[in-house]
């Protein structure tokens, strides 16, 4: 499913125009991004939680030359699926 498909589902389900549905989806996604970027956890009960994670700096290897390289520390986004999401995927 693509973002356009999701917009169609929202538009049909909420009886909105596709333009309004896309605006609503974009606002929701922007709110999630802003919250996680500030270091907060965004918890959507029944769906899951988005949170900020971190990766330590480490040594890696250039696969082409075999030369060791430094990989800088970075931030990442973690997602943990909620119980009802897991149950829907596992058809419980």
PDB file of N, CA and C in Angstrom:
ATOM      1  N   UNK A   1       0.851  -1.175   0.000  1.00  0.00           N
ATOM      2  CA  UNK A   1       0.000   0.000   0.000  1.00  0.00           C
ATOM      3  C   UNK A   1       0.891   1.230   0.000  1.00  0.00           C
ATOM      4  N   UNK A   2       0.544   2.178  -0.842  1.00  0.00           N
ATOM      5  CA  UNK A   2       1.304   3.428  -0.927  1.00  0.00           C
ATOM      6  C   UNK A   2       0.562   4.525  -0.164  1.00  0.00           C
ATOM      7  N   UNK A   3       1.212   5.671  -0.063  1.00  0.00           N
ATOM      8  CA  UNK A   3       0.576   6.806   0.600  1.00  0.00           C
ATOM      9  C   UNK A   3      -0.707   7.204  -0.137  1.00  0.00           C
ATOM     10  N   UNK A   4      -0.689   7.162  -1.462  1.00  0.00           N
ATOM     11  CA  UNK A   4      -1.875   7.500  -2.255  1.00  0.00           C
ATOM     12  C   UNK A   4      -3.013   6.524  -1.969  1.00  0.00           C
ATOM     13  N   UNK A   5      -2.689   5.238  -1.806  1.00  0.00           N
ATOM     14  CA  UNK A   5      -3.715   4.245  -1.460  1.00  0.00           C
ATOM     15  C   UNK A   5      -4.306   4.537  -0.087  1.00  0.00           C
ATOM     16  N   UNK A   6      -3.452   4.909   0.858  1.00  0.00           N
ATOM     17  CA  UNK A   6      -3.916   5.236   2.203  1.00  0.00           C
ATOM     18  C   UNK A   6      -4.806   6.477   2.183  1.00  0.00           C
ATOM     19  N   UNK A   7      -4.454   7.462   1.384  1.00  0.00           N
ATOM     20  CA  UNK A   7      -5.283   8.656   1.227  1.00  0.00           C
ATOM     21  C   UNK A   7      -6.661   8.263   0.704  1.00  0.00           C
ATOM     22  N   UNK A   8      -6.718   7.365  -0.266  1.00  0.00           N
ATOM     23  CA  UNK A   8      -7.998   6.897  -0.815  1.00  0.00           C
ATOM     24  C   UNK A   8      -8.842   6.220   0.266  1.00  0.00           C
ATOM     25  N   UNK A   9      -8.225   5.379   1.086  1.00  0.00           N
ATOM     26  CA  UNK A   9      -8.943   4.686   2.153  1.00  0.00           C
ATOM     27  C   UNK A   9      -9.497   5.693   3.163  1.00  0.00           C
ATOM     28  N   UNK A  10      -8.693   6.679   3.539  1.00  0.00           N
ATOM     29  CA  UNK A  10      -9.139   7.703   4.485  1.00  0.00           C
ATOM     30  C   UNK A  10     -10.272   8.525   3.885  1.00  0.00           C
ATOM     31  N   UNK A  11     -10.124   8.916   2.627  1.00  0.00           N
ATOM     32  CA  UNK A  11     -11.149   9.726   1.956  1.00  0.00           C
ATOM     33  C   UNK A  11     -12.480   8.981   1.903  1.00  0.00           C
ATOM     34  N   UNK A  12     -12.437   7.699   1.541  1.00  0.00           N
ATOM     35  CA  UNK A  12     -13.670   6.910   1.465  1.00  0.00           C
ATOM     36  C   UNK A  12     -14.276   6.665   2.841  1.00  0.00           C
ATOM     37  N   UNK A  13     -13.431   6.317   3.810  1.00  0.00           N
ATOM     38  CA  UNK A  13     -13.912   5.984   5.149  1.00  0.00           C
ATOM     39  C   UNK A  13     -14.450   7.165   5.928  1.00  0.00           C
ATOM     40  N   UNK A  14     -13.889   8.340   5.723  1.00  0.00           N
ATOM     41  CA  UNK A  14     -14.291   9.527   6.485  1.00  0.00           C
ATOM     42  C   UNK A  14     -15.158  10.468   5.660  1.00  0.00           C
ATOM     43  N   UNK A  15     -15.492  10.061   4.440  1.00  0.00           N
ATOM     44  CA  UNK A  15     -16.316  10.873   3.545  1.00  0.00           C
ATOM     45  C   UNK A  15     -15.704  12.265   3.345  1.00  0.00           C
ATOM     46  N   UNK A  16     -14.413  12.250   2.999  1.00  0.00           N
ATOM     47  CA  UNK A  16     -13.668  13.483   2.736  1.00  0.00           C
ATOM     48  C   UNK A  16     -13.202  13.485   1.289  1.00  0.00           C
ATOM     49  N   UNK A  17     -12.863  14.663   0.809  1.00  0.00           N
ATOM     50  CA  UNK A  17     -12.232  14.736  -0.508  1.00  0.00           C
ATOM     51  C   UNK A  17     -10.815  14.181  -0.364  1.00  0.00           C
ATOM     52  N   UNK A  18     -10.234  13.766  -1.474  1.00  0.00           N
ATOM     53  CA  UNK A  18      -8.870  13.235  -1.424  1.00  0.00           C
ATOM     54  C   UNK A  18      -7.886  14.305  -0.965  1.00  0.00           C
ATOM     55  N   UNK A  19      -8.145  15.550  -1.334  1.00  0.00           N
ATOM     56  CA  UNK A  19      -7.272  16.654  -0.920  1.00  0.00           C
ATOM     57  C   UNK A  19      -7.291  16.807   0.595  1.00  0.00           C
ATOM     58  N   UNK A  20      -8.482  16.794   1.186  1.00  0.00           N
ATOM     59  CA  UNK A  20      -8.619  16.923   2.644  1.00  0.00           C
ATOM     60  C   UNK A  20      -8.017  15.717   3.347  1.00  0.00           C
ATOM     61  N   UNK A  21      -8.247  14.523   2.803  1.00  0.00           N
ATOM     62  CA  UNK A  21      -7.716  13.306   3.405  1.00  0.00           C
ATOM     63  C   UNK A  21      -6.189  13.332   3.405  1.00  0.00           C
ATOM     64  N   UNK A  22      -5.599  13.802   2.311  1.00  0.00           N
ATOM     65  CA  UNK A  22      -4.133  13.895   2.247  1.00  0.00           C
ATOM     66  C   UNK A  22      -3.626  14.927   3.248  1.00  0.00           C
ATOM     67  N   UNK A  23      -4.346  16.020   3.405  1.00  0.00           N
ATOM     68  CA  UNK A  23      -3.962  17.058   4.370  1.00  0.00           C
ATOM     69  C   UNK A  23      -3.987  16.492   5.792  1.00  0.00           C
ATOM     70  N   UNK A  24      -5.029  15.733   6.107  1.00  0.00           N
ATOM     71  CA  UNK A  24      -5.148  15.126   7.437  1.00  0.00           C
ATOM     72  C   UNK A  24      -4.001  14.135   7.674  1.00  0.00           C
ATOM     73  N   UNK A  25      -3.725  13.300   6.693  1.00  0.00           N
ATOM     74  CA  UNK A  25      -2.636  12.326   6.819  1.00  0.00           C
ATOM     75  C   UNK A  25      -1.296  13.030   7.005  1.00  0.00           C
ATOM     76  N   UNK A  26      -1.048  14.067   6.214  1.00  0.00           N
ATOM     77  CA  UNK A  26       0.209  14.815   6.339  1.00  0.00           C
ATOM     78  C   UNK A  26       0.348  15.467   7.708  1.00  0.00           C
ATOM     79  N   UNK A  27      -0.750  16.010   8.243  1.00  0.00           N
ATOM     80  CA  UNK A  27      -0.712  16.610   9.577  1.00  0.00           C
ATOM     81  C   UNK A  27      -0.384  15.565  10.635  1.00  0.00           C
ATOM     82  N   UNK A  28      -0.979  14.383  10.518  1.00  0.00           N
ATOM     83  CA  UNK A  28      -0.717  13.308  11.481  1.00  0.00           C
ATOM     84  C   UNK A  28       0.749  12.869  11.398  1.00  0.00           C
ATOM     85  N   UNK A  29       1.247  12.682  10.209  1.00  0.00           N
ATOM     86  CA  UNK A  29       2.642  12.256  10.040  1.00  0.00           C
ATOM     87  C   UNK A  29       3.615  13.325  10.525  1.00  0.00           C
ATOM     88  N   UNK A  30       3.297  14.600  10.264  1.00  0.00           N
ATOM     89  CA  UNK A  30       4.146  15.702  10.742  1.00  0.00           C
ATOM     90  C   UNK A  30       4.173  15.753  12.259  1.00  0.00           C
ATOM     91  N   UNK A  31       3.023  15.500  12.896  1.00  0.00           N
ATOM     92  CA  UNK A  31       2.962  15.501  14.365  1.00  0.00           C
ATOM     93  C   UNK A  31       3.810  14.376  14.937  1.00  0.00           C
ATOM     94  N   UNK A  32       3.773  13.205  14.310  1.00  0.00           N
ATOM     95  CA  UNK A  32       4.592  12.083  14.767  1.00  0.00           C
ATOM     96  C   UNK A  32       6.069  12.429  14.608  1.00  0.00           C
ATOM     97  N   UNK A  33       6.451  12.950  13.452  1.00  0.00           N
ATOM     98  CA  UNK A  33       7.858  13.312  13.209  1.00  0.00           C
ATOM     99  C   UNK A  33       8.347  14.354  14.211  1.00  0.00           C
ATOM    100  N   UNK A  34       7.538  15.383  14.442  1.00  0.00           N
ATOM    101  CA  UNK A  34       7.944  16.460  15.353  1.00  0.00           C
ATOM    102  C   UNK A  34       8.107  15.939  16.774  1.00  0.00           C
ATOM    103  N   UNK A  35       7.193  15.090  17.212  1.00  0.00           N
ATOM    104  CA  UNK A  35       7.244  14.556  18.562  1.00  0.00           C
ATOM    105  C   UNK A  35       8.481  13.684  18.764  1.00  0.00           C
ATOM    106  N   UNK A  36       8.734  12.792  17.838  1.00  0.00           N
ATOM    107  CA  UNK A  36       9.881  11.891  17.962  1.00  0.00           C
ATOM    108  C   UNK A  36      11.193  12.670  17.831  1.00  0.00           C
ATOM    109  N   UNK A  37      11.231  13.673  16.957  1.00  0.00           N
ATOM    110  CA  UNK A  37      12.442  14.474  16.785  1.00  0.00           C
ATOM    111  C   UNK A  37      12.809  15.210  18.073  1.00  0.00           C
ATOM    112  N   UNK A  38      11.808  15.561  18.898  1.00  0.00           N
ATOM    113  CA  UNK A  38      12.060  16.223  20.184  1.00  0.00           C
ATOM    114  C   UNK A  38      12.486  15.235  21.259  1.00  0.00           C
ATOM    115  N   UNK A  39      12.448  13.936  20.944  1.00  0.00           N
ATOM    116  CA  UNK A  39      12.837  12.923  21.923  1.00  0.00           C
ATOM    117  C   UNK A  39      11.666  12.316  22.657  1.00  0.00           C
ATOM    118  N   UNK A  40      10.448  12.712  22.288  1.00  0.00           N
ATOM    119  CA  UNK A  40       9.255  12.156  22.921  1.00  0.00           C
ATOM    120  C   UNK A  40       8.855  10.844  22.262  1.00  0.00           C
ATOM    121  N   UNK A  41       8.096  10.043  22.986  1.00  0.00           N
ATOM    122  CA  UNK A  41       7.532   8.829  22.426  1.00  0.00           C
ATOM    123  C   UNK A  41       6.116   9.133  21.975  1.00  0.00           C
ATOM    124  N   UNK A  42       5.780   8.738  20.749  1.00  0.00           N
ATOM    125  CA  UNK A  42       4.424   8.923  20.228  1.00  0.00           C
ATOM    126  C   UNK A  42       3.744   7.567  20.322  1.00  0.00           C
ATOM    127  N   UNK A  43       2.746   7.487  21.203  1.00  0.00           N
ATOM    128  CA  UNK A  43       2.069   6.219  21.438  1.00  0.00           C
ATOM    129  C   UNK A  43       0.652   6.277  20.877  1.00  0.00           C
ATOM    130  N   UNK A  44       0.371   5.382  19.943  1.00  0.00           N
ATOM    131  CA  UNK A  44      -0.964   5.254  19.365  1.00  0.00           C
ATOM    132  C   UNK A  44      -1.519   3.927  19.869  1.00  0.00           C
ATOM    133  N   UNK A  45      -2.395   3.992  20.878  1.00  0.00           N
ATOM    134  CA  UNK A  45      -2.903   2.797  21.541  1.00  0.00           C
ATOM    135  C   UNK A  45      -3.565   1.879  20.513  1.00  0.00           C
ATOM    136  N   UNK A  46      -3.190   0.614  20.542  1.00  0.00           N
ATOM    137  CA  UNK A  46      -3.727  -0.370  19.622  1.00  0.00           C
ATOM    138  C   UNK A  46      -2.932  -0.478  18.333  1.00  0.00           C
ATOM    139  N   UNK A  47      -2.109   0.514  18.044  1.00  0.00           N
ATOM    140  CA  UNK A  47      -1.311   0.485  16.823  1.00  0.00           C
ATOM    141  C   UNK A  47       0.157   0.259  17.154  1.00  0.00           C
ATOM    142  N   UNK A  48       0.738   1.162  17.943  1.00  0.00           N
ATOM    143  CA  UNK A  48       2.136   1.013  18.324  1.00  0.00           C
ATOM    144  C   UNK A  48       2.728   2.310  18.814  1.00  0.00           C
ATOM    145  N   UNK A  49       4.018   2.269  19.072  1.00  0.00           N
ATOM    146  CA  UNK A  49       4.738   3.422  19.603  1.00  0.00           C
ATOM    147  C   UNK A  49       5.950   3.736  18.735  1.00  0.00           C
ATOM    148  N   UNK A  50       6.150   5.024  18.481  1.00  0.00           N
ATOM    149  CA  UNK A  50       7.328   5.518  17.783  1.00  0.00           C
ATOM    150  C   UNK A  50       8.203   6.200  18.822  1.00  0.00           C
ATOM    151  N   UNK A  51       9.491   5.896  18.819  1.00  0.00           N
ATOM    152  CA  UNK A  51      10.392   6.537  19.772  1.00  0.00           C
ATOM    153  C   UNK A  51      11.751   6.764  19.124  1.00  0.00           C
ATOM    154  N   UNK A  52      12.559   7.561  19.807  1.00  0.00           N
ATOM    155  CA  UNK A  52      13.887   7.900  19.316  1.00  0.00           C
ATOM    156  C   UNK A  52      14.898   6.917  19.889  1.00  0.00           C
ATOM    157  N   UNK A  53      15.755   6.407  19.049  1.00  0.00           N
ATOM    158  CA  UNK A  53      16.818   5.515  19.487  1.00  0.00           C
ATOM    159  C   UNK A  53      18.156   6.102  19.094  1.00  0.00           C
ATOM    160  N   UNK A  54      19.210   5.517  19.587  1.00  0.00           N
ATOM    161  CA  UNK A  54      20.533   6.011  19.211  1.00  0.00           C
ATOM    162  C   UNK A  54      21.447   4.839  18.891  1.00  0.00           C
ATOM    163  N   UNK A  55      22.347   5.097  17.979  1.00  0.00           N
ATOM    164  CA  UNK A  55      23.356   4.110  17.605  1.00  0.00           C
ATOM    165  C   UNK A  55      24.717   4.684  17.953  1.00  0.00           C
ATOM    166  N   UNK A  56      25.503   3.899  18.620  1.00  0.00           N
ATOM    167  CA  UNK A  56      26.844   4.342  19.016  1.00  0.00           C
ATOM    168  C   UNK A  56      27.771   4.354  17.808  1.00  0.00           C
ATOM    169  N   UNK A  57      28.807   5.160  17.911  1.00  0.00           N
ATOM    170  CA  UNK A  57      29.838   5.160  16.868  1.00  0.00           C
ATOM    171  C   UNK A  57      30.511   3.789  16.879  1.00  0.00           C
ATOM    172  N   UNK A  58      30.933   3.336  15.713  1.00  0.00           N
ATOM    173  CA  UNK A  58      31.546   2.017  15.647  1.00  0.00           C
ATOM    174  C   UNK A  58      32.487   1.946  14.453  1.00  0.00           C
ATOM    175  N   UNK A  59      33.242   0.897  14.421  1.00  0.00           N
ATOM    176  CA  UNK A  59      34.134   0.647  13.293  1.00  0.00           C
ATOM    177  C   UNK A  59      33.439  -0.299  12.318  1.00  0.00           C
ATOM    178  N   UNK A  60      33.568   0.015  11.045  1.00  0.00           N
ATOM    179  CA  UNK A  60      33.014  -0.832  10.003  1.00  0.00           C
ATOM    180  C   UNK A  60      34.101  -1.176   9.013  1.00  0.00           C
ATOM    181  N   UNK A  61      33.708  -1.772   7.920  1.00  0.00           N
ATOM    182  CA  UNK A  61      34.693  -2.155   6.916  1.00  0.00           C
ATOM    183  C   UNK A  61      34.135  -1.832   5.544  1.00  0.00           C
ATOM    184  N   UNK A  62      34.952  -1.190   4.720  1.00  0.00           N
ATOM    185  CA  UNK A  62      34.586  -0.900   3.349  1.00  0.00           C
ATOM    186  C   UNK A  62      34.541  -2.240   2.605  1.00  0.00           C
ATOM    187  N   UNK A  63      33.367  -2.645   2.101  1.00  0.00           N
ATOM    188  CA  UNK A  63      33.278  -3.960   1.474  1.00  0.00           C
ATOM    189  C   UNK A  63      34.101  -4.081   0.180  1.00  0.00           C
ATOM    190  N   UNK A  64      34.362  -2.960  -0.451  1.00  0.00           N
ATOM    191  CA  UNK A  64      35.114  -2.997  -1.713  1.00  0.00           C
ATOM    192  C   UNK A  64      36.609  -3.186  -1.478  1.00  0.00           C
ATOM    193  N   UNK A  65      37.136  -2.443  -0.484  1.00  0.00           N
ATOM    194  CA  UNK A  65      38.584  -2.470  -0.264  1.00  0.00           C
ATOM    195  C   UNK A  65      38.991  -3.242   0.989  1.00  0.00           C
ATOM    196  N   UNK A  66      38.039  -3.492   1.877  1.00  0.00           N
ATOM    197  CA  UNK A  66      38.358  -4.173   3.129  1.00  0.00           C
ATOM    198  C   UNK A  66      38.959  -3.247   4.169  1.00  0.00           C
ATOM    199  N   UNK A  67      39.097  -1.970   3.827  1.00  0.00           N
ATOM    200  CA  UNK A  67      39.701  -0.984   4.714  1.00  0.00           C
ATOM    201  C   UNK A  67      38.743  -0.647   5.871  1.00  0.00           C
ATOM    202  N   UNK A  68      39.239  -0.591   7.117  1.00  0.00           N
ATOM    203  CA  UNK A  68      38.374  -0.209   8.247  1.00  0.00           C
ATOM    204  C   UNK A  68      37.968   1.263   8.133  1.00  0.00           C
ATOM    205  N   UNK A  69      36.735   1.556   8.475  1.00  0.00           N
ATOM    206  CA  UNK A  69      36.235   2.938   8.451  1.00  0.00           C
ATOM    207  C   UNK A  69      35.453   3.207   9.727  1.00  0.00           C
ATOM    208  N   UNK A  70      35.441   4.476  10.126  1.00  0.00           N
ATOM    209  CA  UNK A  70      34.667   4.889  11.295  1.00  0.00           C
ATOM    210  C   UNK A  70      33.250   5.206  10.847  1.00  0.00           C
ATOM    211  N   UNK A  71      32.266   4.659  11.562  1.00  0.00           N
ATOM    212  CA  UNK A  71      30.862   4.974  11.314  1.00  0.00           C
ATOM    213  C   UNK A  71      30.416   5.844  12.483  1.00  0.00           C
ATOM    214  N   UNK A  72      29.955   7.041  12.187  1.00  0.00           N
ATOM    215  CA  UNK A  72      29.593   8.011  13.217  1.00  0.00           C
ATOM    216  C   UNK A  72      28.347   7.570  13.979  1.00  0.00           C
ATOM    217  N   UNK A  73      28.223   8.075  15.203  1.00  0.00           N
ATOM    218  CA  UNK A  73      27.021   7.849  15.995  1.00  0.00           C
ATOM    219  C   UNK A  73      25.844   8.523  15.295  1.00  0.00           C
ATOM    220  N   UNK A  74      24.664   7.947  15.444  1.00  0.00           N
ATOM    221  CA  UNK A  74      23.486   8.536  14.799  1.00  0.00           C
ATOM    222  C   UNK A  74      22.233   8.237  15.600  1.00  0.00           C
ATOM    223  N   UNK A  75      21.192   8.985  15.279  1.00  0.00           N
ATOM    224  CA  UNK A  75      19.886   8.761  15.891  1.00  0.00           C
ATOM    225  C   UNK A  75      19.035   7.962  14.913  1.00  0.00           C
ATOM    226  N   UNK A  76      18.122   7.188  15.433  1.00  0.00           N
ATOM    227  CA  UNK A  76      17.240   6.397  14.600  1.00  0.00           C
ATOM    228  C   UNK A  76      15.836   6.382  15.200  1.00  0.00           C
ATOM    229  N   UNK A  77      14.874   5.962  14.433  1.00  0.00           N
ATOM    230  CA  UNK A  77      13.498   5.869  14.906  1.00  0.00           C
ATOM    231  C   UNK A  77      13.189   4.408  15.179  1.00  0.00           C
ATOM    232  N   UNK A  78      12.600   4.152  16.343  1.00  0.00           N
ATOM    233  CA  UNK A  78      12.201   2.792  16.698  1.00  0.00           C
ATOM    234  C   UNK A  78      10.678   2.724  16.668  1.00  0.00           C
ATOM    235  N   UNK A  79      10.147   1.605  16.211  1.00  0.00           N
ATOM    236  CA  UNK A  79       8.708   1.373  16.231  1.00  0.00           C
ATOM    237  C   UNK A  79       8.457   0.058  16.939  1.00  0.00           C
ATOM    238  N   UNK A  80       7.530   0.099  17.867  1.00  0.00           N
ATOM    239  CA  UNK A  80       7.133  -1.107  18.581  1.00  0.00           C
ATOM    240  C   UNK A  80       5.642  -1.303  18.349  1.00  0.00           C
ATOM    241  N   UNK A  81       5.280  -2.398  17.709  1.00  0.00           N
ATOM    242  CA  UNK A  81       3.875  -2.662  17.385  1.00  0.00           C
ATOM    243  C   UNK A  81       3.077  -2.935  18.649  1.00  0.00           C
ATOM    244  N   UNK A  82       1.840  -2.433  18.673  1.00  0.00           N
ATOM    245  CA  UNK A  82       0.938  -2.669  19.792  1.00  0.00           C
ATOM    246  C   UNK A  82       0.322  -4.057  19.726  1.00  0.00           C
ATOM    247  N   UNK A  83      -0.314  -4.461  20.830  1.00  0.00           N
ATOM    248  CA  UNK A  83      -0.876  -5.808  20.922  1.00  0.00           C
ATOM    249  C   UNK A  83      -1.917  -6.076  19.851  1.00  0.00           C
ATOM    250  N   UNK A  84      -2.856  -5.171  19.644  1.00  0.00           N
ATOM    251  CA  UNK A  84      -3.904  -5.446  18.666  1.00  0.00           C
ATOM    252  C   UNK A  84      -3.353  -5.480  17.239  1.00  0.00           C
ATOM    253  N   UNK A  85      -2.291  -4.705  16.971  1.00  0.00           N
ATOM    254  CA  UNK A  85      -1.634  -4.749  15.661  1.00  0.00           C
ATOM    255  C   UNK A  85      -0.995  -6.131  15.462  1.00  0.00           C
ATOM    256  N   UNK A  86      -0.275  -6.581  16.479  1.00  0.00           N
ATOM    257  CA  UNK A  86       0.362  -7.902  16.412  1.00  0.00           C
ATOM    258  C   UNK A  86      -0.695  -8.997  16.232  1.00  0.00           C
ATOM    259  N   UNK A  87      -1.794  -8.888  16.986  1.00  0.00           N
ATOM    260  CA  UNK A  87      -2.856  -9.876  16.887  1.00  0.00           C
ATOM    261  C   UNK A  87      -3.482  -9.889  15.492  1.00  0.00           C
ATOM    262  N   UNK A  88      -3.646  -8.716  14.888  1.00  0.00           N
ATOM    263  CA  UNK A  88      -4.234  -8.641  13.536  1.00  0.00           C
ATOM    264  C   UNK A  88      -3.298  -9.287  12.515  1.00  0.00           C
ATOM    265  N   UNK A  89      -2.005  -9.065  12.678  1.00  0.00           N
ATOM    266  CA  UNK A  89      -1.033  -9.650  11.749  1.00  0.00           C
ATOM    267  C   UNK A  89      -0.988 -11.169  11.911  1.00  0.00           C
ATOM    268  N   UNK A  90      -1.089 -11.625  13.162  1.00  0.00           N
ATOM    269  CA  UNK A  90      -1.039 -13.070  13.445  1.00  0.00           C
ATOM    270  C   UNK A  90      -2.425 -13.716  13.408  1.00  0.00           C
ATOM    271  N   UNK A  91      -3.463 -12.941  13.093  1.00  0.00           N
ATOM    272  CA  UNK A  91      -4.846 -13.415  12.986  1.00  0.00           C
ATOM    273  C   UNK A  91      -5.300 -14.198  14.210  1.00  0.00           C
ATOM    274  N   UNK A  92      -5.132 -13.564  15.359  1.00  0.00           N
ATOM    275  CA  UNK A  92      -5.568 -14.201  16.615  1.00  0.00           C
ATOM    276  C   UNK A  92      -6.968 -13.777  16.959  1.00  0.00           C
TER     277      UNK A  92
END
